[in-house]
Protein backbone atom coordinates (compact mmCIF):
# COMPACT_ATOMS: atom_id res chain seq x y z
CA MET A 1 0.10 0.15 0.02
CA THR A 2 1.04 3.47 -0.87
CA ASP A 3 1.22 6.44 1.91
CA ARG A 4 -2.12 7.69 0.44
CA ILE A 5 -3.81 4.56 1.51
CA HIS A 6 -4.45 4.43 5.00
CA ALA A 7 -3.36 1.40 6.94
CA THR A 8 -6.73 0.39 8.12
CA ALA A 9 -8.41 0.29 4.60
CA LEU A 10 -9.22 -2.96 2.75
CA VAL A 11 -8.36 -2.56 -0.83
CA ASP A 12 -9.05 -5.82 -3.21
CA PRO A 13 -5.94 -6.42 -5.48
CA ALA A 14 -8.43 -6.64 -8.35
CA ALA A 15 -9.38 -3.06 -7.71
CA THR A 16 -7.69 -0.22 -10.16
CA LEU A 17 -6.69 2.97 -8.55
CA ALA A 18 -4.80 6.00 -10.04
CA ASP A 19 -1.50 6.49 -8.34
CA ASP A 20 -2.72 9.59 -6.21
CA VAL A 21 -6.12 8.38 -4.97
CA GLU A 22 -6.48 9.03 -1.44
CA VAL A 23 -8.17 6.38 0.57
CA GLY A 24 -9.09 6.96 4.30
CA PRO A 25 -9.31 4.99 7.53
CA TYR A 26 -11.62 1.90 7.26
CA CYS A 27 -12.68 2.08 3.59
CA VAL A 28 -13.34 -0.92 1.82
CA ILE A 29 -12.92 -1.09 -1.86
CA GLY A 30 -13.86 -4.56 -3.55
CA PRO A 31 -12.82 -6.21 -7.06
CA ASP A 32 -13.87 -4.42 -10.35
CA VAL A 33 -13.73 -1.00 -8.67
CA LYS A 34 -11.68 1.60 -10.92
CA ILE A 35 -10.90 4.94 -9.56
CA GLY A 36 -9.45 7.91 -11.41
CA LYS A 37 -6.88 10.31 -10.26
CA GLY A 38 -7.23 13.12 -7.71
CA THR A 39 -10.28 11.31 -6.26
CA ARG A 40 -10.39 11.24 -2.39
CA LEU A 41 -12.30 8.55 -0.19
CA ARG A 42 -12.25 10.29 3.24
CA ALA A 43 -13.28 7.54 5.70
CA HIS A 44 -15.66 4.51 6.23
CA VAL A 45 -16.47 4.51 2.31
CA VAL A 46 -17.51 1.25 0.84
CA LEU A 47 -17.18 0.65 -2.86
CA GLU A 48 -18.44 -2.61 -4.64
CA GLY A 49 -18.13 -3.34 -8.27
CA PRO A 50 -18.20 -3.24 -11.13
CA THR A 51 -18.26 0.42 -10.58
CA GLU A 52 -15.95 3.21 -12.34
CA ILE A 53 -15.40 6.59 -10.52
CA GLY A 54 -13.73 9.16 -12.37
CA GLU A 55 -11.27 11.99 -11.41
CA ASP A 56 -11.21 14.61 -8.72
CA ASN A 57 -14.17 13.04 -6.75
CA ASP A 58 -14.61 13.96 -3.23
CA ILE A 59 -16.17 11.04 -1.23
CA TYR A 60 -17.33 11.56 2.31
CA PRO A 61 -17.67 9.13 5.35
CA PHE A 62 -20.10 6.27 5.28
CA VAL A 63 -20.92 6.39 1.77
CA SER A 64 -21.74 3.08 -0.18
CA LEU A 65 -21.26 3.30 -3.88
CA GLY A 66 -21.95 0.33 -6.37
CA SER A 67 -23.95 -2.28 -4.11
CA ALA A 68 -26.48 -4.46 -5.49
CA PRO A 69 -29.75 -2.79 -6.81
CA GLN A 70 -32.49 -2.96 -4.44
CA ASP A 71 -34.88 -4.59 -6.86
CA LYS A 72 -36.52 -8.06 -5.94
CA LYS A 73 -36.09 -9.18 -9.63
CA TYR A 74 -32.12 -8.82 -9.20
CA ASP A 75 -30.66 -12.24 -9.24
CA ASP A 76 -26.94 -11.26 -9.18
CA GLU A 77 -26.45 -10.40 -12.92
CA PRO A 78 -23.34 -8.50 -13.80
CA THR A 79 -24.54 -4.86 -13.75
CA SER A 80 -22.63 -1.55 -12.74
CA LEU A 81 -22.37 1.99 -11.78
CA ARG A 82 -20.56 4.82 -13.53
CA ILE A 83 -19.69 8.05 -11.99
CA GLY A 84 -17.95 11.16 -13.75
CA ASP A 85 -15.51 13.82 -12.58
CA ARG A 86 -15.52 16.35 -9.71
CA ASN A 87 -18.48 15.10 -7.87
CA THR A 88 -18.94 15.99 -4.14
CA ILE A 89 -20.75 12.92 -2.52
CA ARG A 90 -21.58 13.69 1.12
CA GLU A 91 -22.13 11.49 4.16
CA CYS A 92 -24.11 8.35 4.13
CA THR A 93 -25.30 8.51 0.55
CA THR A 94 -26.08 5.42 -1.42
CA ILE A 95 -25.77 4.82 -5.02
CA ASN A 96 -26.80 1.34 -6.56
CA ARG A 97 -25.84 -0.39 -9.58
CA GLY A 98 -28.35 -0.98 -12.47
CA THR A 99 -30.56 -3.76 -13.42
CA VAL A 100 -30.63 -5.96 -16.66
CA GLN A 101 -34.27 -5.12 -17.12
CA ASP A 102 -33.17 -1.45 -17.99
CA LEU A 103 -29.48 0.03 -18.80
CA GLY A 104 -27.82 -2.29 -16.72
CA THR A 105 -25.82 0.75 -15.41
CA THR A 106 -26.58 3.66 -13.18
CA ILE A 107 -24.84 6.88 -14.41
CA ILE A 108 -23.83 9.91 -12.30
CA GLY A 109 -22.38 12.73 -14.48
CA SER A 110 -19.86 15.24 -13.53
CA ASP A 111 -19.71 18.42 -11.14
CA ASN A 112 -22.60 17.06 -9.10
CA TRP A 113 -23.30 18.21 -5.50
CA ILE A 114 -24.92 15.45 -3.89
CA MET A 115 -25.60 15.92 -0.01
CA SER A 116 -25.94 13.84 3.08
CA TYR A 117 -28.24 10.78 3.13
CA VAL A 118 -29.25 10.97 -0.64
CA HIS A 119 -30.02 7.73 -2.29
CA VAL A 120 -29.95 7.16 -6.29
CA ALA A 121 -31.50 3.78 -7.02
CA HIS A 122 -30.64 1.38 -9.97
CA ASP A 123 -30.88 2.51 -13.41
CA CYS A 124 -31.06 6.10 -12.62
CA VAL A 125 -29.12 8.55 -14.92
CA VAL A 126 -28.20 11.88 -13.44
CA GLY A 127 -26.56 14.62 -15.72
CA ASP A 128 -24.16 17.16 -14.86
CA HIS A 129 -24.03 20.14 -12.27
CA VAL A 130 -27.16 18.75 -10.74
CA ILE A 131 -27.71 19.41 -6.75
CA LEU A 132 -29.34 16.83 -4.48
CA ALA A 133 -29.88 18.26 -1.11
CA ASN A 134 -30.14 16.26 2.02
CA ASN A 135 -32.33 13.17 2.02
CA ALA A 136 -33.35 13.34 -1.57
CA THR A 137 -34.30 10.22 -3.28
CA LEU A 138 -34.43 8.88 -6.69
CA ALA A 139 -36.49 5.68 -7.13
CA GLY A 140 -35.23 3.23 -9.94
CA HIS A 141 -35.22 4.27 -13.76
CA VAL A 142 -35.30 8.13 -12.82
CA HIS A 143 -33.66 10.61 -15.40
CA VAL A 144 -32.48 14.00 -13.89
CA GLY A 145 -31.23 16.69 -16.47
CA ASP A 146 -28.37 19.14 -16.22
CA TRP A 147 -28.60 21.74 -13.51
CA ALA A 148 -31.51 20.40 -11.98
CA ILE A 149 -32.12 20.98 -8.18
CA PHE A 150 -33.83 18.72 -5.62
CA GLY A 151 -34.50 20.45 -2.40
CA GLY A 152 -34.14 18.62 0.79
CA PHE A 153 -36.35 15.34 1.29
CA ALA A 154 -37.82 15.86 -2.38
CA GLY A 155 -38.29 12.44 -4.13
CA ALA A 156 -39.14 11.13 -7.61
CA HIS A 157 -41.21 7.98 -8.55
CA GLN A 158 -39.73 5.30 -10.63
CA PHE A 159 -39.40 6.23 -14.59
CA CYS A 160 -39.81 9.93 -13.90
CA ARG A 161 -38.01 12.40 -16.04
CA ILE A 162 -36.67 15.66 -14.34
CA GLY A 163 -35.97 18.24 -16.96
CA PRO A 164 -32.77 20.33 -17.00
CA HIS A 165 -32.63 23.59 -15.04
CA SER A 166 -35.68 22.65 -13.23
CA PHE A 167 -36.22 23.11 -9.38
CA LEU A 168 -37.94 20.78 -6.87
CA GLY A 169 -38.66 22.48 -3.76
CA MET A 170 -38.32 20.90 -0.29
CA TYR A 171 -40.49 17.80 0.44
CA SER A 172 -41.77 17.70 -3.11
CA GLY A 173 -43.29 14.36 -4.14
CA ILE A 174 -42.96 13.84 -7.95
CA GLY A 175 -45.05 11.20 -9.48
CA LYS A 176 -45.07 12.81 -13.15
CA ASP A 177 -42.39 14.26 -15.36
CA VAL A 178 -41.09 17.78 -14.60
CA PRO A 179 -40.38 19.93 -17.72
CA ALA A 180 -37.26 21.84 -18.21
CA TYR A 181 -36.94 25.29 -16.38
CA VAL A 182 -40.01 24.46 -14.26
CA THR A 183 -40.20 25.10 -10.18
CA VAL A 184 -42.52 22.45 -8.52
CA MET A 185 -43.28 22.22 -4.87
CA GLY A 186 -45.88 19.89 -3.06
CA ASN A 187 -46.88 16.48 -2.67
CA PRO A 188 -48.20 15.76 -5.11
CA ALA A 189 -45.96 18.43 -6.84
CA GLU A 190 -47.46 21.18 -8.70
CA PRO A 191 -45.96 23.79 -11.10
CA ARG A 192 -45.15 27.19 -9.57
CA GLY A 193 -43.47 29.06 -12.26
CA VAL A 194 -40.08 29.39 -13.90
CA ASN A 195 -36.60 28.77 -12.17
CA VAL A 196 -35.90 32.41 -13.07
CA GLU A 197 -33.00 32.80 -10.49
CA GLY A 198 -31.23 29.64 -11.47
CA LEU A 199 -31.38 30.75 -15.18
CA LYS A 200 -30.01 34.16 -14.21
CA ARG A 201 -27.04 32.60 -12.27
CA ARG A 202 -26.36 30.27 -15.46
CA GLY A 203 -26.22 33.31 -17.94
CA PHE A 204 -29.64 33.39 -19.62
CA ASP A 205 -30.26 36.77 -20.92
CA ARG A 206 -33.40 38.73 -20.50
CA ASP A 207 -34.71 37.81 -23.63
CA GLN A 208 -34.19 34.16 -23.17
CA ILE A 209 -35.78 34.21 -19.91
CA ARG A 210 -38.75 35.98 -21.15
CA ASN A 211 -39.23 33.48 -23.97
CA ILE A 212 -39.30 30.52 -21.45
CA ARG A 213 -41.67 32.13 -19.26
CA ASP A 214 -44.07 32.95 -22.47
CA ALA A 215 -43.65 29.22 -23.27
CA TYR A 216 -44.52 28.33 -19.51
CA LYS A 217 -47.84 30.64 -19.84
CA LEU A 218 -48.44 28.35 -23.14
CA LEU A 219 -48.08 25.15 -20.96
CA TYR A 220 -49.87 26.02 -17.90
CA ARG A 221 -52.23 29.15 -18.31
CA SER A 222 -53.47 28.98 -21.80
CA GLN A 223 -56.11 26.26 -21.45
CA LEU A 224 -54.35 24.46 -24.20
CA ARG A 225 -54.22 20.76 -24.19
CA LEU A 226 -50.78 19.05 -23.63
CA GLU A 227 -50.71 18.30 -27.48
CA GLU A 228 -51.71 21.80 -28.55
CA ALA A 229 -49.12 23.43 -26.12
CA GLN A 230 -46.38 21.24 -27.57
CA GLU A 231 -47.39 22.25 -31.14
CA ALA A 232 -47.15 26.07 -30.10
CA ILE A 233 -43.91 25.67 -28.36
CA ALA A 234 -42.43 23.66 -31.22
CA ALA A 235 -43.49 26.46 -33.80
CA ARG A 236 -41.08 28.79 -31.82
CA VAL A 237 -38.14 26.61 -31.39
CA THR A 238 -36.36 27.63 -34.58
CA GLU A 239 -36.25 31.30 -33.55
CA GLN A 240 -36.14 30.70 -29.68
CA PRO A 241 -33.56 27.51 -29.48
CA GLU A 242 -33.69 28.05 -25.55
CA LEU A 243 -37.07 26.40 -25.82
CA THR A 244 -35.64 23.26 -27.20
CA PRO A 245 -34.86 21.53 -23.76
CA LEU A 246 -38.39 22.53 -22.72
CA LEU A 247 -39.98 21.00 -25.78
CA GLU A 248 -38.02 17.66 -25.42
CA SER A 249 -38.80 17.30 -21.86
CA ILE A 250 -42.69 17.45 -22.51
CA THR A 251 -42.40 15.37 -25.74
CA GLY A 252 -43.13 11.32 -25.57
CA SER A 253 -43.38 11.21 -21.76
CA SER A 254 -44.38 8.17 -20.30
CA ARG A 255 -45.93 9.46 -17.10
CA SER A 256 -47.30 12.75 -18.50
CA ILE A 257 -46.14 16.01 -16.83
CA VAL A 258 -46.77 17.74 -13.54
CA ARG A 259 -49.67 20.00 -14.58
């Protein structure tokens, strides 16, 4: 073991760690785990494989990554977990591998901020720059778009799609898809407007935000049926490309959308 691996850590010989990976006290790393350079495991972290973790991740105590999916259909098939770069994963978070009934892989992107006691279930796909606040929960097969934010204790039902730049208020219960840019709150969650503050922080200009708000009004305040609102928004996309994520998030939804 190198001086970057604590003497109390257990690292399986079949695991692959970059030379500068830091492994703190009492961590357990199983076989078929691959960790990229600059990643730090602070203490008491448990990694099971097959799991691939990218570069410059900061993983806090009592995190469990890559354990078997909590799915009664799971029969020890070879599934995996893949995590990107520069993620912060705080205390007691659990992220499970996928199942053969779906992707077979749970995927976490890069630059995400995952706070304490978060659970990400099997076959979820989380994009980049996502914030999952304390105790947020993703059931199986949930997809979360870039820059989405889950408030504390917010939870998403299986197979839900959470659009990019959306905001889920504290304790929100998501049973349907959340369109891009939309703020929702409540249980069951209801739309409360556009995530304007988030868009300003990410560099959207006044015209873009105005166009998104106008599209929100078409979707939620015009008395149009969902199909009619889709058509009206689609007609604007060529001249207002910022509406593309919104249109994509309301098209082809298997669970319909929060309305």
